[in-house]
C-alpha atoms as a PDB file:
ATOM      1  CA  MET A   1       2.766   1.588  -0.358  1.00  0.00           C
ATOM      2  CA  ASN A   2      10.583   6.191   0.101  1.00  0.00           C
ATOM      3  CA  SER A   3      12.614   5.348  -0.282  1.00  0.00           C
ATOM      4  CA  ARG A   4      13.810   3.443   2.660  1.00  0.00           C
ATOM      5  CA  ASP A   5      10.419   3.609   4.090  1.00  0.00           C
ATOM      6  CA  PHE A   6       6.327   2.029   1.547  1.00  0.00           C
ATOM      7  CA  ASP A   7       7.917   2.872   3.276  1.00  0.00           C
ATOM      8  CA  LYS A   8       9.058   2.862   6.565  1.00  0.00           C
ATOM      9  CA  THR A   9       5.843   4.858   6.758  1.00  0.00           C
ATOM     10  CA  VAL A  10       3.359   4.162   3.926  1.00  0.00           C
ATOM     11  CA  TYR A  11       4.138   0.606   4.675  1.00  0.00           C
ATOM     12  CA  ALA A  12       5.579   1.144   8.211  1.00  0.00           C
ATOM     13  CA  LEU A  13       8.654  -1.020   8.717  1.00  0.00           C
ATOM     14  CA  ARG A  14       8.454  -3.261  11.769  1.00  0.00           C
ATOM     15  CA  LEU A  15       4.864  -2.191  12.297  1.00  0.00           C
ATOM     16  CA  VAL A  16       2.749  -5.021  13.696  1.00  0.00           C
ATOM     17  CA  TYR A  17      -0.346  -5.572  11.621  1.00  0.00           C
ATOM     18  CA  ARG A  18      -3.262  -6.452  13.784  1.00  0.00           C
ATOM     19  CA  VAL A  19      -6.684  -7.505  12.689  1.00  0.00           C
ATOM     20  CA  GLY A  20      -9.161  -7.626  15.553  1.00  0.00           C
ATOM     21  CA  MET A  21     -12.662  -8.879  16.050  1.00  0.00           C
ATOM     22  CA  LEU A  22     -15.200  -7.202  13.803  1.00  0.00           C
ATOM     23  CA  LEU A  23     -18.828  -6.911  14.801  1.00  0.00           C
ATOM     24  CA  VAL A  24     -21.434  -5.888  12.281  1.00  0.00           C
ATOM     25  CA  VAL A  25     -24.940  -5.467  13.504  1.00  0.00           C
ATOM     26  CA  GLY A  26     -27.696  -4.763  11.027  1.00  0.00           C
ATOM     27  CA  SER A  27     -31.184  -5.757  10.162  1.00  0.00           C
ATOM     28  CA  LEU A  28     -32.350  -7.708   7.170  1.00  0.00           C
ATOM     29  CA  ALA A  29     -35.845  -9.074   7.552  1.00  0.00           C
ATOM     30  CA  ALA A  30     -35.345  -8.743  11.321  1.00  0.00           C
ATOM     31  CA  VAL A  31     -32.274 -11.025  11.240  1.00  0.00           C
ATOM     32  CA  ALA A  32     -29.107  -9.967  13.125  1.00  0.00           C
ATOM     33  CA  VAL A  33     -25.802 -10.666  11.363  1.00  0.00           C
ATOM     34  CA  THR A  34     -22.439 -10.916  13.118  1.00  0.00           C
ATOM     35  CA  ALA A  35     -19.136 -11.084  11.268  1.00  0.00           C
ATOM     36  CA  ARG A  36     -16.006 -12.526  12.829  1.00  0.00           C
ATOM     37  CA  ALA A  37     -12.405 -12.125  11.668  1.00  0.00           C
ATOM     38  CA  ALA A  38      -9.376 -13.891  13.073  1.00  0.00           C
ATOM     39  CA  ASP A  39      -6.945 -11.958  15.268  1.00  0.00           C
ATOM     40  CA  PHE A  40      -3.303 -12.255  14.240  1.00  0.00           C
ATOM     41  CA  SER A  41      -0.177 -10.186  13.637  1.00  0.00           C
ATOM     42  CA  VAL A  42       2.405 -10.048  10.863  1.00  0.00           C
ATOM     43  CA  SER A  43       5.785  -8.386  11.360  1.00  0.00           C
ATOM     44  CA  PRO A  44       7.430  -6.674   9.603  1.00  0.00           C
ATOM     45  CA  MET A  45       4.824  -5.370   7.160  1.00  0.00           C
ATOM     46  CA  ILE A  46       7.515  -4.549   4.617  1.00  0.00           C
ATOM     47  CA  VAL A  47      10.772  -6.379   3.988  1.00  0.00           C
ATOM     48  CA  GLU A  48      13.761  -4.545   2.541  1.00  0.00           C
ATOM     49  CA  PHE A  49      16.809  -6.727   2.060  1.00  0.00           C
ATOM     50  CA  GLN A  50      20.098  -5.182   3.109  1.00  0.00           C
ATOM     51  CA  ARG A  51      22.521  -4.779   0.234  1.00  0.00           C
ATOM     52  CA  GLY A  52      24.284  -8.082  -0.415  1.00  0.00           C
ATOM     53  CA  VAL A  53      21.942 -10.059   1.895  1.00  0.00           C
ATOM     54  CA  ARG A  54      19.922 -12.847   0.310  1.00  0.00           C
ATOM     55  CA  SER A  55      17.394 -13.809   3.012  1.00  0.00           C
ATOM     56  CA  ALA A  56      14.929 -12.363   5.520  1.00  0.00           C
ATOM     57  CA  GLU A  57      12.223 -13.456   7.964  1.00  0.00           C
ATOM     58  CA  ILE A  58       8.555 -12.654   8.539  1.00  0.00           C
ATOM     59  CA  GLN A  59       6.851 -13.565  11.821  1.00  0.00           C
ATOM     60  CA  VAL A  60       3.174 -14.535  12.030  1.00  0.00           C
ATOM     61  CA  ARG A  61       1.541 -14.777  15.477  1.00  0.00           C
ATOM     62  CA  ASN A  62      -1.887 -16.105  16.392  1.00  0.00           C
ATOM     63  CA  LEU A  63      -3.534 -13.662  18.807  1.00  0.00           C
ATOM     64  CA  ASP A  64      -6.854 -15.483  18.658  1.00  0.00           C
ATOM     65  CA  LYS A  65      -8.382 -18.025  21.061  1.00  0.00           C
ATOM     66  CA  GLN A  66      -8.622 -20.717  18.427  1.00  0.00           C
ATOM     67  CA  PRO A  67      -6.213 -22.212  15.850  1.00  0.00           C
ATOM     68  CA  ILE A  68      -5.622 -20.427  12.543  1.00  0.00           C
ATOM     69  CA  ARG A  69      -4.255 -21.891   9.322  1.00  0.00           C
ATOM     70  CA  PHE A  70      -2.517 -19.864   6.601  1.00  0.00           C
ATOM     71  CA  GLN A  71      -1.399 -20.461   3.050  1.00  0.00           C
ATOM     72  CA  ILE A  72       1.710 -18.549   1.929  1.00  0.00           C
ATOM     73  CA  ARG A  73       2.221 -17.547  -1.703  1.00  0.00           C
ATOM     74  CA  ALA A  74       5.028 -15.510  -3.279  1.00  0.00           C
ATOM     75  CA  THR A  75       4.758 -13.473  -6.493  1.00  0.00           C
ATOM     76  CA  ASP A  76       6.891 -11.239  -8.650  1.00  0.00           C
ATOM     77  CA  TRP A  77       5.565  -7.680  -8.408  1.00  0.00           C
ATOM     78  CA  SER A  78       5.599  -5.296 -11.352  1.00  0.00           C
ATOM     79  CA  GLN A  79       3.516  -2.358 -12.579  1.00  0.00           C
ATOM     80  CA  ASP A  80       2.125  -1.494 -15.995  1.00  0.00           C
ATOM     81  CA  ALA A  81       2.373   1.857 -17.784  1.00  0.00           C
ATOM     82  CA  SER A  82      -0.408   3.339 -15.625  1.00  0.00           C
ATOM     83  CA  GLY A  83       1.066   2.144 -12.322  1.00  0.00           C
ATOM     84  CA  LYS A  84      -1.383  -0.751 -11.913  1.00  0.00           C
ATOM     85  CA  ASN A  85       0.066  -3.632  -9.889  1.00  0.00           C
ATOM     86  CA  ILE A  86       0.747  -6.931 -11.666  1.00  0.00           C
ATOM     87  CA  TYR A  87       1.473 -10.161  -9.782  1.00  0.00           C
ATOM     88  CA  ALA A  88       2.906 -13.345 -11.306  1.00  0.00           C
ATOM     89  CA  ASP A  89       3.994 -16.558  -9.611  1.00  0.00           C
ATOM     90  CA  SER A  90       7.633 -16.156  -8.649  1.00  0.00           C
ATOM     91  CA  LYS A  91      10.441 -18.490  -9.724  1.00  0.00           C
ATOM     92  CA  SER A  92      13.263 -16.375  -8.314  1.00  0.00           C
ATOM     93  CA  LEU A  93      12.022 -15.992  -4.725  1.00  0.00           C
ATOM     94  CA  ILE A  94      12.322 -18.926  -2.297  1.00  0.00           C
ATOM     95  CA  TRP A  95       9.996 -19.153   0.697  1.00  0.00           C
ATOM     96  CA  PHE A  96       9.261 -21.708   3.410  1.00  0.00           C
ATOM     97  CA  PRO A  97       6.920 -22.963   4.722  1.00  0.00           C
ATOM     98  CA  ARG A  98       4.146 -22.829   2.132  1.00  0.00           C
ATOM     99  CA  ALA A  99       1.435 -23.332   4.797  1.00  0.00           C
ATOM    100  CA  ILE A 100       1.286 -22.992   8.575  1.00  0.00           C
ATOM    101  CA  GLU A 101      -1.195 -23.761  11.343  1.00  0.00           C
ATOM    102  CA  LEU A 102      -0.883 -21.836  14.595  1.00  0.00           C
ATOM    103  CA  ALA A 103      -2.323 -22.689  17.987  1.00  0.00           C
ATOM    104  CA  PRO A 104      -3.513 -19.778  20.163  1.00  0.00           C
ATOM    105  CA  ASP A 105      -0.584 -17.471  21.051  1.00  0.00           C
ATOM    106  CA  GLU A 106       1.781 -19.484  18.841  1.00  0.00           C
ATOM    107  CA  SER A 107       4.092 -17.800  16.317  1.00  0.00           C
ATOM    108  CA  ARG A 108       6.024 -19.069  13.287  1.00  0.00           C
ATOM    109  CA  ILE A 109       8.728 -17.674  11.050  1.00  0.00           C
ATOM    110  CA  ILE A 110       8.360 -17.536   7.273  1.00  0.00           C
ATOM    111  CA  ARG A 111      11.800 -17.516   5.659  1.00  0.00           C
ATOM    112  CA  VAL A 112      12.272 -15.857   2.289  1.00  0.00           C
ATOM    113  CA  GLY A 113      15.357 -15.874   0.102  1.00  0.00           C
ATOM    114  CA  ILE A 114      16.456 -14.763  -3.347  1.00  0.00           C
ATOM    115  CA  ARG A 115      18.185 -17.033  -5.891  1.00  0.00           C
ATOM    116  CA  ALA A 116      20.281 -14.220  -7.376  1.00  0.00           C
ATOM    117  CA  LEU A 117      20.871 -10.592  -6.393  1.00  0.00           C
ATOM    118  CA  PRO A 118      19.851  -7.893  -8.905  1.00  0.00           C
ATOM    119  CA  ALA A 119      22.645  -5.923 -10.542  1.00  0.00           C
ATOM    120  CA  THR A 120      21.155  -2.663 -11.821  1.00  0.00           C
ATOM    121  CA  GLN A 121      17.477  -2.470 -10.803  1.00  0.00           C
ATOM    122  CA  GLU A 122      15.648  -3.302  -7.597  1.00  0.00           C
ATOM    123  CA  GLN A 123      13.537  -6.461  -7.673  1.00  0.00           C
ATOM    124  CA  ALA A 124      10.103  -6.344  -6.030  1.00  0.00           C
ATOM    125  CA  TYR A 125       8.027  -9.240  -4.740  1.00  0.00           C
ATOM    126  CA  MET A 126       4.862  -9.757  -2.708  1.00  0.00           C
ATOM    127  CA  ILE A 127       4.197 -12.399  -0.066  1.00  0.00           C
ATOM    128  CA  PHE A 128       0.490 -13.160   0.408  1.00  0.00           C
ATOM    129  CA  ILE A 129      -0.428 -14.675   3.782  1.00  0.00           C
ATOM    130  CA  THR A 130      -4.005 -15.923   3.422  1.00  0.00           C
ATOM    131  CA  GLU A 131      -6.175 -17.430   6.129  1.00  0.00           C
ATOM    132  CA  VAL A 132      -7.584 -20.879   5.317  1.00  0.00           C
ATOM    133  CA  PRO A 133     -10.778 -22.003   7.126  1.00  0.00           C
ATOM    134  CA  LEU A 134     -10.321 -24.914   9.495  1.00  0.00           C
ATOM    135  CA  GLU A 135     -12.915 -27.657   9.785  1.00  0.00           C
ATOM    136  CA  GLY A 136     -15.297 -26.811  12.590  1.00  0.00           C
ATOM    137  CA  SER A 137     -13.769 -23.369  13.073  1.00  0.00           C
ATOM    138  CA  ARG A 138     -16.899 -21.448  12.169  1.00  0.00           C
ATOM    139  CA  PRO A 139     -18.604 -19.927  15.204  1.00  0.00           C
ATOM    140  CA  GLU A 140     -21.663 -21.743  16.473  1.00  0.00           C
ATOM    141  CA  LYS A 141     -24.948 -20.223  15.532  1.00  0.00           C
ATOM    142  CA  ALA A 142     -26.237 -17.739  18.041  1.00  0.00           C
ATOM    143  CA  GLN A 143     -29.157 -15.397  17.532  1.00  0.00           C
ATOM    144  CA  GLY A 144     -29.322 -15.103  13.780  1.00  0.00           C
ATOM    145  CA  ALA A 145     -26.830 -15.696  10.987  1.00  0.00           C
ATOM    146  CA  GLN A 146     -23.045 -15.523  11.387  1.00  0.00           C
ATOM    147  CA  VAL A 147     -20.356 -14.962   8.786  1.00  0.00           C
ATOM    148  CA  GLN A 148     -16.651 -15.773   9.054  1.00  0.00           C
ATOM    149  CA  ILE A 149     -14.362 -13.238   7.370  1.00  0.00           C
ATOM    150  CA  ILE A 150     -11.310 -14.726   5.642  1.00  0.00           C
ATOM    151  CA  LEU A 151      -8.333 -12.365   5.610  1.00  0.00           C
ATOM    152  CA  SER A 152      -5.274 -12.020   3.407  1.00  0.00           C
ATOM    153  CA  VAL A 153      -2.229  -9.892   4.263  1.00  0.00           C
ATOM    154  CA  SER A 154       0.289  -8.822   1.624  1.00  0.00           C
ATOM    155  CA  VAL A 155       3.915  -8.101   2.566  1.00  0.00           C
ATOM    156  CA  PRO A 156       6.043  -6.232  -0.032  1.00  0.00           C
ATOM    157  CA  ILE A 157       9.621  -7.438  -0.436  1.00  0.00           C
ATOM    158  CA  PHE A 158      12.341  -5.276  -2.006  1.00  0.00           C
ATOM    159  CA  VAL A 159      15.787  -6.511  -3.023  1.00  0.00           C
ATOM    160  CA  PRO A 160      18.050  -3.513  -3.776  1.00  0.00           C
ATOM    161  CA  PRO A 161      20.495  -3.186  -6.688  1.00  0.00           C
ATOM    162  CA  ALA A 162      24.218  -2.832  -6.122  1.00  0.00           C
ATOM    163  CA  ARG A 163      23.906   0.938  -6.368  1.00  0.00           C
ATOM    164  CA  ALA A 164      20.625   2.724  -5.622  1.00  0.00           C
ATOM    165  CA  GLN A 165      19.526   5.722  -7.701  1.00  0.00           C
ATOM    166  CA  PRO A 166      16.347   7.435  -6.439  1.00  0.00           C
ATOM    167  CA  GLY A 167      14.180   9.138  -9.030  1.00  0.00           C
ATOM    168  CA  GLY A 168      10.678  10.016  -7.785  1.00  0.00           C
ATOM    169  CA  ALA A 169       9.320  13.276  -9.230  1.00  0.00           C
ATOM    170  CA  VAL A 170       6.256  15.118 -10.512  1.00  0.00           C
ATOM    171  CA  GLU A 171       6.598  14.662 -14.270  1.00  0.00           C
ATOM    172  CA  SER A 172       3.799  17.012 -15.290  1.00  0.00           C
ATOM    173  CA  ILE A 173       0.976  19.095 -13.841  1.00  0.00           C
ATOM    174  CA  GLU A 174      -1.767  20.928 -15.715  1.00  0.00           C
ATOM    175  CA  LEU A 175      -5.270  22.302 -15.188  1.00  0.00           C
ATOM    176  CA  SER A 176      -7.929  21.896 -17.865  1.00  0.00           C
ATOM    177  CA  GLY A 177     -11.696  22.160 -17.616  1.00  0.00           C
ATOM    178  CA  GLY A 178     -11.495  22.439 -13.840  1.00  0.00           C
ATOM    179  CA  SER A 179      -9.576  19.164 -13.589  1.00  0.00           C
ATOM    180  CA  LEU A 180      -6.030  19.093 -12.221  1.00  0.00           C
ATOM    181  CA  ASN A 181      -4.032  16.332 -13.892  1.00  0.00           C
ATOM    182  CA  VAL A 182      -0.737  15.228 -12.358  1.00  0.00           C
ATOM    183  CA  VAL A 183       1.699  12.557 -13.523  1.00  0.00           C
ATOM    184  CA  VAL A 184       4.061  11.157 -10.879  1.00  0.00           C
ATOM    185  CA  ALA A 185       7.004   9.166 -12.230  1.00  0.00           C
ATOM    186  CA  ASN A 186       9.854   7.095 -10.842  1.00  0.00           C
ATOM    187  CA  ALA A 187      12.899   7.338 -13.104  1.00  0.00           C
ATOM    188  CA  GLY A 188      15.166   5.737 -10.488  1.00  0.00           C
ATOM    189  CA  ASN A 189      16.201   2.116 -10.067  1.00  0.00           C
ATOM    190  CA  ARG A 190      14.423   1.455  -6.757  1.00  0.00           C
ATOM    191  CA  HIS A 191      10.882   1.999  -5.456  1.00  0.00           C
ATOM    192  CA  PHE A 192       9.549   5.440  -4.578  1.00  0.00           C
ATOM    193  CA  SER A 193       6.661   6.064  -2.169  1.00  0.00           C
ATOM    194  CA  TYR A 194       4.654   9.018  -1.001  1.00  0.00           C
ATOM    195  CA  ARG A 195       2.128   9.025   1.825  1.00  0.00           C
ATOM    196  CA  GLU A 196      -0.269  11.573   0.353  1.00  0.00           C
ATOM    197  CA  ALA A 197      -0.709  14.293  -2.241  1.00  0.00           C
ATOM    198  CA  VAL A 198      -2.224  17.567  -1.031  1.00  0.00           C
ATOM    199  CA  VAL A 199      -3.650  20.124  -3.467  1.00  0.00           C
ATOM    200  CA  VAL A 200      -4.276  23.644  -2.127  1.00  0.00           C
ATOM    201  CA  GLY A 201      -5.737  26.539  -4.114  1.00  0.00           C
ATOM    202  CA  VAL A 202      -5.489  30.208  -3.078  1.00  0.00           C
ATOM    203  CA  ASP A 203      -7.012  33.429  -4.434  1.00  0.00           C
ATOM    204  CA  SER A 204      -5.243  36.660  -5.372  1.00  0.00           C
ATOM    205  CA  GLU A 205      -5.001  37.669  -1.701  1.00  0.00           C
ATOM    206  CA  GLY A 206      -3.507  34.360  -0.621  1.00  0.00           C
ATOM    207  CA  ALA A 207      -6.681  33.091   1.039  1.00  0.00           C
ATOM    208  CA  GLU A 208      -7.259  29.342   0.800  1.00  0.00           C
ATOM    209  CA  LYS A 209     -10.281  28.471  -1.351  1.00  0.00           C
ATOM    210  CA  PHE A 210      -9.710  24.794  -2.077  1.00  0.00           C
ATOM    211  CA  ARG A 211      -7.978  21.823  -0.443  1.00  0.00           C
ATOM    212  CA  GLN A 212      -8.024  18.119  -1.212  1.00  0.00           C
ATOM    213  CA  THR A 213      -5.863  15.222  -0.025  1.00  0.00           C
ATOM    214  CA  VAL A 214      -5.240  12.170  -2.205  1.00  0.00           C
ATOM    215  CA  ARG A 215      -3.983   8.884  -0.803  1.00  0.00           C
ATOM    216  CA  GLY A 216      -0.359   8.041  -1.602  1.00  0.00           C
ATOM    217  CA  LYS A 217       1.148   5.227  -3.638  1.00  0.00           C
ATOM    218  CA  THR A 218       4.326   3.237  -4.159  1.00  0.00           C
ATOM    219  CA  LEU A 219       5.862   3.328  -7.633  1.00  0.00           C
ATOM    220  CA  LEU A 220       8.316   0.639  -8.632  1.00  0.00           C
ATOM    221  CA  ALA A 221      11.425   1.506 -10.637  1.00  0.00           C
ATOM    222  CA  GLY A 222      10.488   2.901 -14.058  1.00  0.00           C
ATOM    223  CA  SER A 223       6.751   3.235 -13.249  1.00  0.00           C
ATOM    224  CA  ARG A 224       4.416   6.217 -13.356  1.00  0.00           C
ATOM    225  CA  HIS A 225       0.797   6.953 -12.539  1.00  0.00           C
ATOM    226  CA  SER A 226      -1.709   9.777 -12.918  1.00  0.00           C
ATOM    227  CA  LEU A 227      -3.714  11.738 -10.371  1.00  0.00           C
ATOM    228  CA  GLU A 228      -6.856  13.650 -11.221  1.00  0.00           C
ATOM    229  CA  VAL A 229      -8.400  16.191  -8.839  1.00  0.00           C
ATOM    230  CA  ARG A 230     -11.687  17.845  -9.764  1.00  0.00           C
ATOM    231  CA  ILE A 231     -12.086  21.430  -8.566  1.00  0.00           C
ATOM    232  CA  PRO A 232     -15.645  22.823  -8.268  1.00  0.00           C
ATOM    233  CA  SER A 233     -16.251  25.580 -10.836  1.00  0.00           C
ATOM    234  CA  GLU A 234     -17.149  28.226  -8.265  1.00  0.00           C
ATOM    235  CA  ALA A 235     -13.966  27.621  -6.277  1.00  0.00           C
ATOM    236  CA  CYS A 236     -11.788  27.262  -9.372  1.00  0.00           C
ATOM    237  CA  ARG A 237     -12.818  30.665 -10.756  1.00  0.00           C
ATOM    238  CA  GLN A 238     -11.566  32.302  -7.554  1.00  0.00           C
ATOM    239  CA  LEU A 239      -8.114  30.746  -7.707  1.00  0.00           C
ATOM    240  CA  ARG A 240      -4.885  32.444  -8.635  1.00  0.00           C
ATOM    241  CA  GLU A 241      -2.573  29.547  -7.822  1.00  0.00           C
ATOM    242  CA  LEU A 242      -2.574  25.819  -7.077  1.00  0.00           C
ATOM    243  CA  ALA A 243       0.081  24.174  -4.922  1.00  0.00           C
ATOM    244  CA  LEU A 244       0.761  20.423  -4.996  1.00  0.00           C
ATOM    245  CA  THR A 245       2.733  18.747  -2.211  1.00  0.00           C
ATOM    246  CA  LEU A 246       3.746  15.087  -2.199  1.00  0.00           C
ATOM    247  CA  THR A 247       4.805  13.982   1.289  1.00  0.00           C
ATOM    248  CA  THR A 248       7.279  11.151   0.865  1.00  0.00           C
ATOM    249  CA  SER A 249       8.147   8.339   3.231  1.00  0.00           C
ATOM    250  CA  GLU A 250      11.555   9.900   3.798  1.00  0.00           C
ATOM    251  CA  LYS A 251       9.865  12.795   5.621  1.00  0.00           C
ATOM    252  CA  SER A 252      10.646  15.073   2.708  1.00  0.00           C
ATOM    253  CA  ALA A 253       8.312  16.759   0.250  1.00  0.00           C
ATOM    254  CA  ILE A 254       8.059  17.289  -3.492  1.00  0.00           C
ATOM    255  CA  LYS A 255       6.326  20.562  -4.336  1.00  0.00           C
ATOM    256  CA  ARG A 256       4.972  22.059  -7.544  1.00  0.00           C
ATOM    257  CA  ARG A 257       3.017  25.260  -8.157  1.00  0.00           C
ATOM    258  CA  LEU A 258       0.710  26.184 -11.010  1.00  0.00           C
ATOM    259  CA  ASP A 259      -0.735  29.579 -11.974  1.00  0.00           C
ATOM    260  CA  VAL A 260      -4.466  29.432 -12.632  1.00  0.00           C
ATOM    261  CA  SER A 261      -6.415  31.304 -15.293  1.00  0.00           C
ATOM    262  CA  ARG A 262     -10.205  31.539 -15.400  1.00  0.00           C
ATOM    263  CA  ALA A 263     -10.259  29.861 -18.812  1.00  0.00           C
ATOM    264  CA  GLU A 264      -8.694  26.697 -17.364  1.00  0.00           C
ATOM    265  CA  CYS A 265     -11.686  26.335 -15.029  1.00  0.00           C
ATOM    266  CA  GLU A 266     -14.283  26.262 -17.811  1.00  0.00           C
END
């Protein structure tokens, strides 16, 4: 998954994405299985165009001891009414090259550009950098079977409008049948991200009786999505109040409180 951060935190701007060697050891009919994934980095992990700028760069570096080949694909990124991501082949984003092969310790730049700058609403895209198996690149058989893991890294790209208007908020919150239902909406014209949602319930004396953390999400302009947190009946009946905190990527917080009645727990 701001706003100038899916974040300069949920996405971590300029963070180097590293995928190391994975080793899985198990037993299946007394056969050992090892799984190997390539080792490479992608930086930055999120691209936010500066206002008025029409191009940017992404660096891919091979940290492995053998060559790696990648295919690069660009898509338009949108979300449906429930906040589900939708990807469609892009005709407005330009990117080059479309494929790269890197020798050990070699790096290449992927250049991305936009045909036209948006006027009123941020445009969102996704670059998919997918590993392509090379002939003869599979590890030689050792003791037992071996599997090569093929990786794909997605890099969000945001192109801002002429004038940004943030609008992330908790649209509604209610408790029914022991289930807390929250709708988070983005009424602004650029993306909104939060790292996590924390729900805390306290009794009449202020003692904490319930806590749950939900992973955060990025909402594109005009999108919304729902959170549902189930509260065990025994804990729910002890609660006087529920507090919801969304920690955003701008190191700020959105907070909502809800009084709890016993009937809402049944």
